[in-house]
Amino acid sequence: MVGVIRKYPGLKLLAKAAMLAAFVGLGSGISSAQPLTARTDQQRRDALPSSAMKHAESMAAATSATSDVKPVRRAAVTGPYYVDFRARTAATYGHAFVWYGKTSEKQVEVAGLAPAGDEIPYLLGHLIFVPSETGASYGDLDEQYLTASYRVYLNEADAKKVFAHIKHLQDTSPLWNAATINCTAFLGRIATFMGLNAPFHLLKPEEYVNKLRELNGGRKTVQLEPGRG
C-alpha cells in the first residue's frame, strides 16, 4: 500500500483528506451524542423532581392550611344569673335601678330607690328626707325609656348572696333624698357588694351607669370574694 502511495503521490493527499473527514465525522458524532445523552438524563432528572415538587407543594399547602387554622375560642361562661344596672328617662334627670334574675326566665325582679307618692314628695326630697319606695316604678319595665344598661353575670351561689343583699337594701331604705340617699347611691351599694368599682353618686343616672361600666372595664362576669355575704 505504501508503494502504491509513493508511485501515485496524489493518493497520499486523498488518503489524508479521507482520514481527516472520518476523524471529523467521528468527533461530530460523539459531540452530538453527548447532548442527546445529557438531554435524556436531564429529562429523567426533571421528571423526578416534578413529582417530588408537587408532593412538596401539597405538603407545604397542608402545613400552611394547618398553621392558618386558628384555635376555636369557646364562649365565656356567663353564668345563669345576672344583675342589670339600668337607667331610663324621667320627667327630670332620669332614674337608675336594677333588673335581676335568671337568664333562662323572662320574669325579672326590679329594685330601685325613689320617693314614694307623686310630685310633692319628689320636690320636697330635694330639701329634706322623704319616704321611699324600692320596687318597680313607672317606666322601669319599658325598654323604650331605657338610656343605659350594664349587665353582669353570676353563678348560682353568688347570685343568691347578691339577690339577698338587694332585698335587704330594699327592706332597710325607708327614706329618699336627692342629694344623699338617691337612686344612684342605691345602685352603688349593690355594685360595691358585688366587688365592682362604683362611681360618684351625684352623676345623672345615664352617666352613672355608663361610668360604672367604664370603671370596671366592661367586665361581664362577677365572682364574689370568699366570705362575702
C-alpha atoms as a PDB file:
ATOM      1  CA  MET A   1       0.000   0.000   0.000  1.00  0.00           C
ATOM      2  CA  VAL A   2       2.917   2.321   0.831  1.00  0.00           C
ATOM      3  CA  GLY A   3       4.490   1.558  -2.569  1.00  0.00           C
ATOM      4  CA  VAL A   4       1.314   2.483  -4.330  1.00  0.00           C
ATOM      5  CA  ILE A   5       1.103   5.787  -2.464  1.00  0.00           C
ATOM      6  CA  ARG A   6       4.752   6.585  -3.357  1.00  0.00           C
ATOM      7  CA  LYS A   7       4.030   5.781  -7.001  1.00  0.00           C
ATOM      8  CA  TYR A   8       0.950   7.919  -7.015  1.00  0.00           C
ATOM      9  CA  PRO A   9       1.594  10.916  -4.705  1.00  0.00           C
ATOM     10  CA  GLY A  10      -1.921  12.200  -5.279  1.00  0.00           C
ATOM     11  CA  LEU A  11      -3.282   9.206  -3.444  1.00  0.00           C
ATOM     12  CA  LYS A  12      -1.373  10.294  -0.335  1.00  0.00           C
ATOM     13  CA  LEU A  13      -3.166  13.583  -0.307  1.00  0.00           C
ATOM     14  CA  LEU A  14      -6.504  11.878  -0.932  1.00  0.00           C
ATOM     15  CA  ALA A  15      -5.875   9.432   1.941  1.00  0.00           C
ATOM     16  CA  LYS A  16      -5.105  12.254   4.364  1.00  0.00           C
ATOM     17  CA  ALA A  17      -8.274  14.013   3.331  1.00  0.00           C
ATOM     18  CA  ALA A  18     -10.310  10.836   3.883  1.00  0.00           C
ATOM     19  CA  MET A  19      -8.763  10.298   7.320  1.00  0.00           C
ATOM     20  CA  LEU A  20      -9.440  13.890   8.281  1.00  0.00           C
ATOM     21  CA  ALA A  21     -13.057  13.603   7.145  1.00  0.00           C
ATOM     22  CA  ALA A  22     -13.501  10.353   9.102  1.00  0.00           C
ATOM     23  CA  PHE A  23     -11.985  11.938  12.221  1.00  0.00           C
ATOM     24  CA  VAL A  24     -14.207  14.987  11.945  1.00  0.00           C
ATOM     25  CA  GLY A  25     -17.262  12.822  11.402  1.00  0.00           C
ATOM     26  CA  LEU A  26     -16.419  10.710  14.415  1.00  0.00           C
ATOM     27  CA  GLY A  27     -15.912  13.770  16.572  1.00  0.00           C
ATOM     28  CA  SER A  28     -19.182  15.223  15.374  1.00  0.00           C
ATOM     29  CA  GLY A  29     -20.990  12.015  16.217  1.00  0.00           C
ATOM     30  CA  ILE A  30     -19.502  11.974  19.711  1.00  0.00           C
ATOM     31  CA  SER A  31     -20.283  15.608  20.295  1.00  0.00           C
ATOM     32  CA  SER A  32     -23.862  15.175  19.065  1.00  0.00           C
ATOM     33  CA  ALA A  33     -24.324  12.018  21.138  1.00  0.00           C
ATOM     34  CA  GLN A  34     -23.271  13.787  24.351  1.00  0.00           C
ATOM     35  CA  PRO A  35     -26.035  16.444  24.261  1.00  0.00           C
ATOM     36  CA  LEU A  36     -28.553  13.748  23.418  1.00  0.00           C
ATOM     37  CA  THR A  37     -27.470  11.728  26.418  1.00  0.00           C
ATOM     38  CA  ALA A  38     -27.396  14.861  28.535  1.00  0.00           C
ATOM     39  CA  ARG A  39     -30.895  15.803  27.410  1.00  0.00           C
ATOM     40  CA  THR A  40     -32.150  12.313  28.189  1.00  0.00           C
ATOM     41  CA  ASP A  41     -30.597  12.394  31.659  1.00  0.00           C
ATOM     42  CA  GLN A  42     -31.926  15.917  32.235  1.00  0.00           C
ATOM     43  CA  GLN A  43     -35.408  14.829  31.219  1.00  0.00           C
ATOM     44  CA  ARG A  44     -35.210  11.990  33.699  1.00  0.00           C
ATOM     45  CA  ARG A  45     -33.978  14.321  36.413  1.00  0.00           C
ATOM     46  CA  ASP A  46     -36.710  16.819  35.536  1.00  0.00           C
ATOM     47  CA  ALA A  47     -39.377  14.125  35.652  1.00  0.00           C
ATOM     48  CA  LEU A  48     -38.432  13.029  39.163  1.00  0.00           C
ATOM     49  CA  PRO A  49     -38.321  16.473  40.787  1.00  0.00           C
ATOM     50  CA  SER A  50     -41.602  17.344  39.097  1.00  0.00           C
ATOM     51  CA  SER A  51     -43.479  14.723  41.091  1.00  0.00           C
ATOM     52  CA  ALA A  52     -41.391  15.458  44.149  1.00  0.00           C
ATOM     53  CA  MET A  53     -42.078  19.166  43.740  1.00  0.00           C
ATOM     54  CA  LYS A  54     -45.820  18.522  43.507  1.00  0.00           C
ATOM     55  CA  HIS A  55     -45.599  16.451  46.684  1.00  0.00           C
ATOM     56  CA  ALA A  56     -43.611  19.167  48.434  1.00  0.00           C
ATOM     57  CA  GLU A  57     -46.061  21.806  47.310  1.00  0.00           C
ATOM     58  CA  SER A  58     -49.015  19.756  48.579  1.00  0.00           C
ATOM     59  CA  MET A  59     -47.232  19.223  51.888  1.00  0.00           C
ATOM     60  CA  ALA A  60     -46.498  22.944  52.149  1.00  0.00           C
ATOM     61  CA  ALA A  61     -50.112  23.777  51.382  1.00  0.00           C
ATOM     62  CA  ALA A  62     -51.274  21.333  54.012  1.00  0.00           C
ATOM     63  CA  THR A  63     -48.841  22.809  56.549  1.00  0.00           C
ATOM     64  CA  SER A  64     -49.946  26.316  55.660  1.00  0.00           C
ATOM     65  CA  ALA A  65     -53.583  25.342  55.961  1.00  0.00           C
ATOM     66  CA  THR A  66     -52.869  23.781  59.336  1.00  0.00           C
ATOM     67  CA  SER A  67     -50.999  26.861  60.537  1.00  0.00           C
ATOM     68  CA  ASP A  68     -53.817  29.103  59.345  1.00  0.00           C
ATOM     69  CA  VAL A  69     -56.378  27.237  61.407  1.00  0.00           C
ATOM     70  CA  LYS A  70     -56.989  29.369  64.475  1.00  0.00           C
ATOM     71  CA  PRO A  71     -57.910  27.761  67.777  1.00  0.00           C
ATOM     72  CA  VAL A  72     -61.613  27.790  68.457  1.00  0.00           C
ATOM     73  CA  ARG A  73     -62.495  30.329  71.078  1.00  0.00           C
ATOM     74  CA  ARG A  74     -65.028  28.999  73.473  1.00  0.00           C
ATOM     75  CA  ALA A  75     -67.668  31.422  74.593  1.00  0.00           C
ATOM     76  CA  ALA A  76     -67.064  32.684  78.092  1.00  0.00           C
ATOM     77  CA  VAL A  77     -69.292  31.109  80.681  1.00  0.00           C
ATOM     78  CA  THR A  78     -71.544  33.936  81.719  1.00  0.00           C
ATOM     79  CA  GLY A  79     -73.401  32.197  84.492  1.00  0.00           C
ATOM     80  CA  PRO A  80     -77.111  31.521  84.730  1.00  0.00           C
ATOM     81  CA  TYR A  81     -77.938  34.633  86.814  1.00  0.00           C
ATOM     82  CA  TYR A  82     -77.497  38.358  86.230  1.00  0.00           C
ATOM     83  CA  VAL A  83     -77.761  41.844  87.664  1.00  0.00           C
ATOM     84  CA  ASP A  84     -78.518  44.566  85.119  1.00  0.00           C
ATOM     85  CA  PHE A  85     -77.753  48.151  86.156  1.00  0.00           C
ATOM     86  CA  ARG A  86     -80.116  50.355  84.169  1.00  0.00           C
ATOM     87  CA  ALA A  87     -81.076  53.982  83.593  1.00  0.00           C
ATOM     88  CA  ARG A  88     -84.176  55.416  81.966  1.00  0.00           C
ATOM     89  CA  THR A  89     -85.702  58.740  81.117  1.00  0.00           C
ATOM     90  CA  ALA A  90     -87.934  60.541  83.583  1.00  0.00           C
ATOM     91  CA  ALA A  91     -89.607  63.934  83.951  1.00  0.00           C
ATOM     92  CA  THR A  92     -86.341  65.489  85.141  1.00  0.00           C
ATOM     93  CA  TYR A  93     -82.867  63.930  85.030  1.00  0.00           C
ATOM     94  CA  GLY A  94     -83.840  60.261  84.878  1.00  0.00           C
ATOM     95  CA  HIS A  95     -83.914  57.256  87.191  1.00  0.00           C
ATOM     96  CA  ALA A  96     -81.481  54.425  87.950  1.00  0.00           C
ATOM     97  CA  PHE A  97     -82.495  50.919  89.048  1.00  0.00           C
ATOM     98  CA  VAL A  98     -81.576  47.254  88.641  1.00  0.00           C
ATOM     99  CA  TRP A  99     -83.074  44.250  86.970  1.00  0.00           C
ATOM    100  CA  TYR A 100     -82.001  40.913  88.381  1.00  0.00           C
ATOM    101  CA  GLY A 101     -82.951  37.313  87.840  1.00  0.00           C
ATOM    102  CA  LYS A 102     -82.164  34.142  85.903  1.00  0.00           C
ATOM    103  CA  THR A 103     -81.162  34.220  82.244  1.00  0.00           C
ATOM    104  CA  SER A 104     -83.454  31.329  81.313  1.00  0.00           C
ATOM    105  CA  GLU A 105     -86.529  33.073  82.679  1.00  0.00           C
ATOM    106  CA  LYS A 106     -88.427  36.024  81.211  1.00  0.00           C
ATOM    107  CA  GLN A 107     -89.598  37.265  84.578  1.00  0.00           C
ATOM    108  CA  VAL A 108     -87.316  39.853  86.183  1.00  0.00           C
ATOM    109  CA  GLU A 109     -87.073  41.412  89.621  1.00  0.00           C
ATOM    110  CA  VAL A 110     -86.793  45.212  89.829  1.00  0.00           C
ATOM    111  CA  ALA A 111     -85.236  47.214  92.637  1.00  0.00           C
ATOM    112  CA  GLY A 112     -84.510  50.896  92.942  1.00  0.00           C
ATOM    113  CA  LEU A 113     -84.851  53.823  95.323  1.00  0.00           C
ATOM    114  CA  ALA A 114     -87.358  56.573  94.569  1.00  0.00           C
ATOM    115  CA  PRO A 115     -89.589  58.963  96.542  1.00  0.00           C
ATOM    116  CA  ALA A 116     -92.951  57.457  97.401  1.00  0.00           C
ATOM    117  CA  GLY A 117     -96.005  59.218  96.053  1.00  0.00           C
ATOM    118  CA  ASP A 118     -96.466  61.914  93.445  1.00  0.00           C
ATOM    119  CA  GLU A 119     -94.567  65.124  92.594  1.00  0.00           C
ATOM    120  CA  ILE A 120     -94.799  66.665  96.072  1.00  0.00           C
ATOM    121  CA  PRO A 121     -92.535  64.094  97.819  1.00  0.00           C
ATOM    122  CA  TYR A 122     -90.124  64.316  94.880  1.00  0.00           C
ATOM    123  CA  LEU A 123     -89.867  68.117  95.194  1.00  0.00           C
ATOM    124  CA  LEU A 124     -89.570  68.007  98.970  1.00  0.00           C
ATOM    125  CA  GLY A 125     -86.916  65.302  98.656  1.00  0.00           C
ATOM    126  CA  HIS A 126     -84.537  67.896  97.239  1.00  0.00           C
ATOM    127  CA  LEU A 127     -84.693  69.681 100.599  1.00  0.00           C
ATOM    128  CA  ILE A 128     -85.426  67.020 103.208  1.00  0.00           C
ATOM    129  CA  PHE A 129     -85.672  63.253 103.592  1.00  0.00           C
ATOM    130  CA  VAL A 130     -88.947  61.799 102.360  1.00  0.00           C
ATOM    131  CA  PRO A 131     -90.473  58.293 102.473  1.00  0.00           C
ATOM    132  CA  SER A 132     -89.208  55.995  99.718  1.00  0.00           C
ATOM    133  CA  GLU A 133     -90.289  53.044  97.624  1.00  0.00           C
ATOM    134  CA  THR A 134     -87.848  50.397  96.479  1.00  0.00           C
ATOM    135  CA  GLY A 135     -89.726  48.319  93.915  1.00  0.00           C
ATOM    136  CA  ALA A 136     -90.552  48.891  90.272  1.00  0.00           C
ATOM    137  CA  SER A 137     -91.670  52.389  89.330  1.00  0.00           C
ATOM    138  CA  TYR A 138     -93.404  53.645  86.220  1.00  0.00           C
ATOM    139  CA  GLY A 139     -91.242  53.027  83.128  1.00  0.00           C
ATOM    140  CA  ASP A 140     -88.777  50.552  84.695  1.00  0.00           C
ATOM    141  CA  LEU A 141     -90.096  47.675  82.581  1.00  0.00           C
ATOM    142  CA  ASP A 142     -90.382  49.622  79.326  1.00  0.00           C
ATOM    143  CA  GLU A 143     -87.393  49.270  77.006  1.00  0.00           C
ATOM    144  CA  GLN A 144     -88.442  52.395  75.093  1.00  0.00           C
ATOM    145  CA  TYR A 145     -87.386  54.558  78.035  1.00  0.00           C
ATOM    146  CA  LEU A 146     -84.017  52.848  78.527  1.00  0.00           C
ATOM    147  CA  THR A 147     -80.950  55.111  78.178  1.00  0.00           C
ATOM    148  CA  ALA A 148     -78.127  52.913  79.558  1.00  0.00           C
ATOM    149  CA  SER A 149     -77.568  49.332  80.669  1.00  0.00           C
ATOM    150  CA  TYR A 150     -74.676  47.391  82.172  1.00  0.00           C
ATOM    151  CA  ARG A 151     -75.328  43.695  82.786  1.00  0.00           C
ATOM    152  CA  VAL A 152     -73.036  41.319  84.690  1.00  0.00           C
ATOM    153  CA  TYR A 153     -73.483  37.583  85.247  1.00  0.00           C
ATOM    154  CA  LEU A 154     -73.054  35.420  88.323  1.00  0.00           C
ATOM    155  CA  ASN A 155     -73.098  31.771  89.247  1.00  0.00           C
ATOM    156  CA  GLU A 156     -75.913  30.423  91.385  1.00  0.00           C
ATOM    157  CA  ALA A 157     -74.126  30.589  94.731  1.00  0.00           C
ATOM    158  CA  ASP A 158     -73.058  34.215  94.278  1.00  0.00           C
ATOM    159  CA  ALA A 159     -76.424  35.203  92.828  1.00  0.00           C
ATOM    160  CA  LYS A 160     -78.209  34.026  95.961  1.00  0.00           C
ATOM    161  CA  LYS A 161     -75.985  36.271  98.084  1.00  0.00           C
ATOM    162  CA  VAL A 162     -76.362  39.296  95.808  1.00  0.00           C
ATOM    163  CA  PHE A 163     -80.118  38.913  95.469  1.00  0.00           C
ATOM    164  CA  ALA A 164     -80.441  38.608  99.248  1.00  0.00           C
ATOM    165  CA  HIS A 165     -78.382  41.782  99.629  1.00  0.00           C
ATOM    166  CA  ILE A 166     -80.631  43.658  97.197  1.00  0.00           C
ATOM    167  CA  LYS A 167     -83.717  42.611  99.133  1.00  0.00           C
ATOM    168  CA  HIS A 168     -82.018  43.657 102.357  1.00  0.00           C
ATOM    169  CA  LEU A 169     -81.364  47.115 100.903  1.00  0.00           C
ATOM    170  CA  GLN A 170     -84.999  47.343  99.865  1.00  0.00           C
ATOM    171  CA  ASP A 171     -86.118  46.485 103.401  1.00  0.00           C
ATOM    172  CA  THR A 172     -83.717  48.927 105.075  1.00  0.00           C
ATOM    173  CA  SER A 173     -84.024  52.007 102.843  1.00  0.00           C
ATOM    174  CA  PRO A 174     -87.091  53.873 104.155  1.00  0.00           C
ATOM    175  CA  LEU A 175     -86.010  57.340 103.056  1.00  0.00           C
ATOM    176  CA  TRP A 176     -85.023  59.142  99.856  1.00  0.00           C
ATOM    177  CA  ASN A 177     -83.120  62.369  99.365  1.00  0.00           C
ATOM    178  CA  ALA A 178     -81.962  63.792  96.049  1.00  0.00           C
ATOM    179  CA  ALA A 179     -78.505  64.754  97.279  1.00  0.00           C
ATOM    180  CA  THR A 180     -77.570  61.879  99.572  1.00  0.00           C
ATOM    181  CA  ILE A 181     -79.742  58.757  99.555  1.00  0.00           C
ATOM    182  CA  ASN A 182     -80.843  58.675  95.929  1.00  0.00           C
ATOM    183  CA  CYS A 183     -81.276  56.095  93.170  1.00  0.00           C
ATOM    184  CA  THR A 184     -77.629  56.106  92.028  1.00  0.00           C
ATOM    185  CA  ALA A 185     -76.375  55.739  95.601  1.00  0.00           C
ATOM    186  CA  PHE A 186     -78.659  52.714  95.895  1.00  0.00           C
ATOM    187  CA  LEU A 187     -77.028  51.151  92.806  1.00  0.00           C
ATOM    188  CA  GLY A 188     -73.607  51.962  94.205  1.00  0.00           C
ATOM    189  CA  ARG A 189     -74.281  49.919  97.333  1.00  0.00           C
ATOM    190  CA  ILE A 190     -75.237  46.922  95.185  1.00  0.00           C
ATOM    191  CA  ALA A 191     -72.212  47.312  92.918  1.00  0.00           C
ATOM    192  CA  THR A 192     -69.814  47.637  95.869  1.00  0.00           C
ATOM    193  CA  PHE A 193     -71.213  44.483  97.476  1.00  0.00           C
ATOM    194  CA  MET A 194     -70.546  42.652  94.196  1.00  0.00           C
ATOM    195  CA  GLY A 195     -66.928  43.822  94.169  1.00  0.00           C
ATOM    196  CA  LEU A 196     -67.403  46.385  91.404  1.00  0.00           C
ATOM    197  CA  ASN A 197     -65.982  49.901  91.417  1.00  0.00           C
ATOM    198  CA  ALA A 198     -68.805  52.397  91.913  1.00  0.00           C
ATOM    199  CA  PRO A 199     -68.709  55.989  90.600  1.00  0.00           C
ATOM    200  CA  PHE A 200     -69.682  59.154  92.475  1.00  0.00           C
ATOM    201  CA  HIS A 201     -73.400  59.004  93.224  1.00  0.00           C
ATOM    202  CA  LEU A 202     -74.319  62.554  92.092  1.00  0.00           C
ATOM    203  CA  LEU A 203     -73.921  61.743  88.421  1.00  0.00           C
ATOM    204  CA  LYS A 204     -77.077  61.659  86.318  1.00  0.00           C
ATOM    205  CA  PRO A 205     -78.487  58.099  86.063  1.00  0.00           C
ATOM    206  CA  GLU A 206     -77.432  57.561  82.435  1.00  0.00           C
ATOM    207  CA  GLU A 207     -73.946  58.901  83.106  1.00  0.00           C
ATOM    208  CA  TYR A 208     -73.723  56.832  86.275  1.00  0.00           C
ATOM    209  CA  VAL A 209     -74.461  53.513  84.562  1.00  0.00           C
ATOM    210  CA  ASN A 210     -72.069  54.256  81.703  1.00  0.00           C
ATOM    211  CA  LYS A 211     -69.354  55.282  84.171  1.00  0.00           C
ATOM    212  CA  LEU A 212     -69.966  52.119  86.181  1.00  0.00           C
ATOM    213  CA  ARG A 213     -69.270  50.038  83.054  1.00  0.00           C
ATOM    214  CA  GLU A 214     -66.178  52.099  82.256  1.00  0.00           C
ATOM    215  CA  LEU A 215     -64.687  51.855  85.753  1.00  0.00           C
ATOM    216  CA  ASN A 216     -64.980  48.071  85.610  1.00  0.00           C
ATOM    217  CA  GLY A 217     -63.600  47.664  82.120  1.00  0.00           C
ATOM    218  CA  GLY A 218     -66.893  46.384  80.787  1.00  0.00           C
ATOM    219  CA  ARG A 219     -66.394  43.047  82.550  1.00  0.00           C
ATOM    220  CA  LYS A 220     -69.236  40.597  82.013  1.00  0.00           C
ATOM    221  CA  THR A 221     -68.900  38.301  84.996  1.00  0.00           C
ATOM    222  CA  VAL A 222     -68.625  38.782  88.735  1.00  0.00           C
ATOM    223  CA  GLN A 223     -67.362  36.363  91.344  1.00  0.00           C
ATOM    224  CA  LEU A 224     -67.726  37.325  94.991  1.00  0.00           C
ATOM    225  CA  GLU A 225     -64.760  37.245  97.301  1.00  0.00           C
ATOM    226  CA  PRO A 226     -64.669  34.302  99.718  1.00  0.00           C
ATOM    227  CA  GLY A 227     -66.671  35.069 102.833  1.00  0.00           C
ATOM    228  CA  ARG A 228     -68.763  37.792 101.172  1.00  0.00           C
ATOM    229  CA  GLY A 229     -72.390  37.723 102.235  1.00  0.00           C
END
